């Protein structure tokens, strides 16, 4: 959540965001690497954040 704290005015705005829903879905194992590749740039993550999210999704073997 650290990367998102700077991008949202408060935690309620973040929690209500589409980005939070999408990222949480990937973290919980919903979604594929192919789909993540299509939309990861829209999440506005740092290179480190993108790499970590890819690692998590790759761990699910999808």
N, C-alpha and C. Protein backbone atom coordinates (compact mmCIF):
# COMPACT_ATOMS: atom_id res chain seq x y z
N UNK A 1 0.82 -1.19 0.00
CA UNK A 1 0.00 0.00 0.00
C UNK A 1 0.86 1.26 0.00
N UNK A 2 2.10 1.15 0.38
CA UNK A 2 2.98 2.30 0.46
C UNK A 2 3.03 3.14 -0.80
N UNK A 3 3.09 2.48 -1.95
CA UNK A 3 3.14 3.23 -3.20
C UNK A 3 1.85 3.99 -3.47
N UNK A 4 0.76 3.47 -3.01
CA UNK A 4 -0.53 4.09 -3.27
C UNK A 4 -0.84 5.25 -2.33
N UNK A 5 -0.20 5.27 -1.17
CA UNK A 5 -0.49 6.32 -0.19
C UNK A 5 -0.25 7.71 -0.75
N UNK A 6 0.72 7.85 -1.61
CA UNK A 6 1.05 9.15 -2.20
C UNK A 6 0.07 9.54 -3.32
N UNK A 7 -0.66 8.59 -3.84
CA UNK A 7 -1.50 8.85 -5.00
C UNK A 7 -2.97 9.09 -4.67
N UNK A 8 -3.35 8.79 -3.46
CA UNK A 8 -4.75 8.95 -3.06
C UNK A 8 -4.82 9.90 -1.86
N UNK A 9 -5.86 10.72 -1.83
CA UNK A 9 -5.96 11.74 -0.78
C UNK A 9 -6.16 11.16 0.60
N UNK A 10 -6.74 9.98 0.67
CA UNK A 10 -6.91 9.31 1.96
C UNK A 10 -7.14 7.83 1.72
N UNK A 11 -7.14 7.05 2.79
CA UNK A 11 -7.27 5.60 2.64
C UNK A 11 -8.64 5.21 2.09
N UNK A 12 -9.67 5.96 2.39
CA UNK A 12 -11.00 5.65 1.86
C UNK A 12 -11.01 5.77 0.33
N UNK A 13 -10.35 6.78 -0.19
CA UNK A 13 -10.27 6.95 -1.64
C UNK A 13 -9.52 5.79 -2.28
N UNK A 14 -8.47 5.34 -1.63
CA UNK A 14 -7.72 4.19 -2.14
C UNK A 14 -8.55 2.92 -2.09
N UNK A 15 -9.16 2.66 -0.96
CA UNK A 15 -9.95 1.44 -0.78
C UNK A 15 -11.09 1.36 -1.80
N UNK A 16 -11.63 2.50 -2.17
CA UNK A 16 -12.75 2.56 -3.12
C UNK A 16 -12.30 2.53 -4.57
N UNK A 17 -11.00 2.55 -4.80
CA UNK A 17 -10.50 2.68 -6.17
C UNK A 17 -10.53 1.37 -6.94
N UNK A 18 -10.66 1.52 -8.24
CA UNK A 18 -10.59 0.37 -9.14
C UNK A 18 -9.20 -0.27 -9.08
N UNK A 19 -8.18 0.56 -8.96
CA UNK A 19 -6.81 0.03 -8.89
C UNK A 19 -6.65 -0.89 -7.69
N UNK A 20 -7.18 -0.50 -6.55
CA UNK A 20 -7.08 -1.36 -5.36
C UNK A 20 -7.77 -2.69 -5.61
N UNK A 21 -8.92 -2.65 -6.22
CA UNK A 21 -9.65 -3.89 -6.51
C UNK A 21 -8.87 -4.79 -7.46
N UNK A 22 -8.29 -4.19 -8.50
CA UNK A 22 -7.54 -4.98 -9.48
C UNK A 22 -6.29 -5.59 -8.85
N UNK A 23 -5.51 -4.77 -8.14
CA UNK A 23 -4.28 -5.26 -7.52
C UNK A 23 -4.59 -6.33 -6.48
N UNK A 24 -5.60 -6.11 -5.66
CA UNK A 24 -5.99 -7.12 -4.66
C UNK A 24 -6.39 -8.43 -5.32
N UNK A 25 -7.07 -8.34 -6.44
CA UNK A 25 -7.45 -9.55 -7.18
C UNK A 25 -6.22 -10.35 -7.60
N UNK A 26 -5.25 -9.65 -8.15
CA UNK A 26 -4.01 -10.33 -8.55
C UNK A 26 -3.29 -10.94 -7.35
N UNK A 27 -3.23 -10.20 -6.27
CA UNK A 27 -2.54 -10.69 -5.07
C UNK A 27 -3.22 -11.94 -4.52
N UNK A 28 -4.53 -12.01 -4.66
CA UNK A 28 -5.29 -13.17 -4.16
C UNK A 28 -5.32 -14.34 -5.14
N UNK A 29 -4.70 -14.18 -6.33
CA UNK A 29 -4.62 -15.30 -7.26
C UNK A 29 -5.60 -15.25 -8.41
N UNK A 30 -6.31 -14.17 -8.54
CA UNK A 30 -7.24 -14.00 -9.67
C UNK A 30 -6.52 -13.22 -10.76
N UNK A 31 -6.49 -13.74 -11.92
CA UNK A 31 -5.82 -13.05 -13.02
C UNK A 31 -4.60 -13.81 -13.49
N UNK A 32 -4.21 -13.53 -14.69
CA UNK A 32 -3.08 -14.21 -15.32
C UNK A 32 -1.95 -13.23 -15.59
N UNK A 33 -0.78 -13.78 -15.85
CA UNK A 33 0.36 -12.94 -16.23
C UNK A 33 0.02 -12.16 -17.49
N UNK A 34 -0.60 -12.81 -18.45
CA UNK A 34 -0.94 -12.13 -19.71
C UNK A 34 -1.85 -10.93 -19.46
N UNK A 35 -2.85 -11.10 -18.63
CA UNK A 35 -3.76 -9.99 -18.33
C UNK A 35 -3.04 -8.90 -17.54
N UNK A 36 -2.20 -9.29 -16.60
CA UNK A 36 -1.43 -8.32 -15.82
C UNK A 36 -0.53 -7.50 -16.75
N UNK A 37 0.11 -8.16 -17.70
CA UNK A 37 0.96 -7.44 -18.65
C UNK A 37 0.17 -6.38 -19.41
N UNK A 38 -1.08 -6.66 -19.71
CA UNK A 38 -1.94 -5.72 -20.45
C UNK A 38 -2.25 -4.47 -19.64
N UNK A 39 -2.42 -4.63 -18.33
CA UNK A 39 -2.93 -3.50 -17.55
C UNK A 39 -2.02 -2.96 -16.46
N UNK A 40 -0.86 -3.53 -16.26
CA UNK A 40 -0.03 -3.11 -15.13
C UNK A 40 0.38 -1.64 -15.20
N UNK A 41 0.60 -1.12 -16.39
CA UNK A 41 1.00 0.29 -16.49
C UNK A 41 -0.09 1.23 -15.97
N UNK A 42 -1.33 0.81 -16.04
CA UNK A 42 -2.43 1.65 -15.56
C UNK A 42 -2.46 1.74 -14.03
N UNK A 43 -1.70 0.88 -13.35
CA UNK A 43 -1.67 0.90 -11.88
C UNK A 43 -0.71 1.96 -11.34
N UNK A 44 0.13 2.52 -12.21
CA UNK A 44 1.09 3.56 -11.82
C UNK A 44 2.02 3.12 -10.68
N UNK A 45 2.51 1.90 -10.77
CA UNK A 45 3.46 1.38 -9.78
C UNK A 45 4.88 1.71 -10.20
N UNK A 46 5.76 1.74 -9.25
CA UNK A 46 7.19 1.89 -9.54
C UNK A 46 7.69 0.60 -10.18
N UNK A 47 8.88 0.64 -10.71
CA UNK A 47 9.47 -0.57 -11.29
C UNK A 47 9.55 -1.68 -10.24
N UNK A 48 9.91 -1.32 -9.02
CA UNK A 48 9.98 -2.30 -7.93
C UNK A 48 8.60 -2.87 -7.62
N UNK A 49 7.58 -2.03 -7.60
CA UNK A 49 6.22 -2.49 -7.33
C UNK A 49 5.71 -3.41 -8.42
N UNK A 50 6.00 -3.07 -9.67
CA UNK A 50 5.60 -3.92 -10.80
C UNK A 50 6.27 -5.29 -10.71
N UNK A 51 7.58 -5.26 -10.43
CA UNK A 51 8.32 -6.51 -10.33
C UNK A 51 7.73 -7.40 -9.24
N UNK A 52 7.42 -6.82 -8.09
CA UNK A 52 6.87 -7.60 -6.98
C UNK A 52 5.50 -8.18 -7.33
N UNK A 53 4.66 -7.39 -7.98
CA UNK A 53 3.34 -7.89 -8.36
C UNK A 53 3.47 -9.03 -9.36
N UNK A 54 4.38 -8.90 -10.32
CA UNK A 54 4.63 -10.00 -11.27
C UNK A 54 5.10 -11.25 -10.53
N UNK A 55 5.98 -11.09 -9.56
CA UNK A 55 6.47 -12.24 -8.80
C UNK A 55 5.31 -12.96 -8.09
N UNK A 56 4.42 -12.18 -7.51
CA UNK A 56 3.28 -12.77 -6.80
C UNK A 56 2.40 -13.56 -7.77
N UNK A 57 2.08 -12.95 -8.89
CA UNK A 57 1.20 -13.61 -9.87
C UNK A 57 1.89 -14.83 -10.47
N UNK A 58 3.17 -14.73 -10.76
CA UNK A 58 3.91 -15.87 -11.28
C UNK A 58 3.90 -17.04 -10.30
N UNK A 59 3.88 -16.72 -9.02
CA UNK A 59 3.84 -17.77 -7.99
C UNK A 59 2.59 -18.62 -8.06
N UNK A 60 1.53 -18.08 -8.62
CA UNK A 60 0.29 -18.84 -8.77
C UNK A 60 0.33 -19.73 -10.01
N UNK A 61 1.34 -19.53 -10.85
CA UNK A 61 1.50 -20.39 -12.03
C UNK A 61 0.46 -20.17 -13.12
N UNK A 62 -0.03 -18.95 -13.21
CA UNK A 62 -1.05 -18.66 -14.23
C UNK A 62 -0.48 -17.88 -15.37
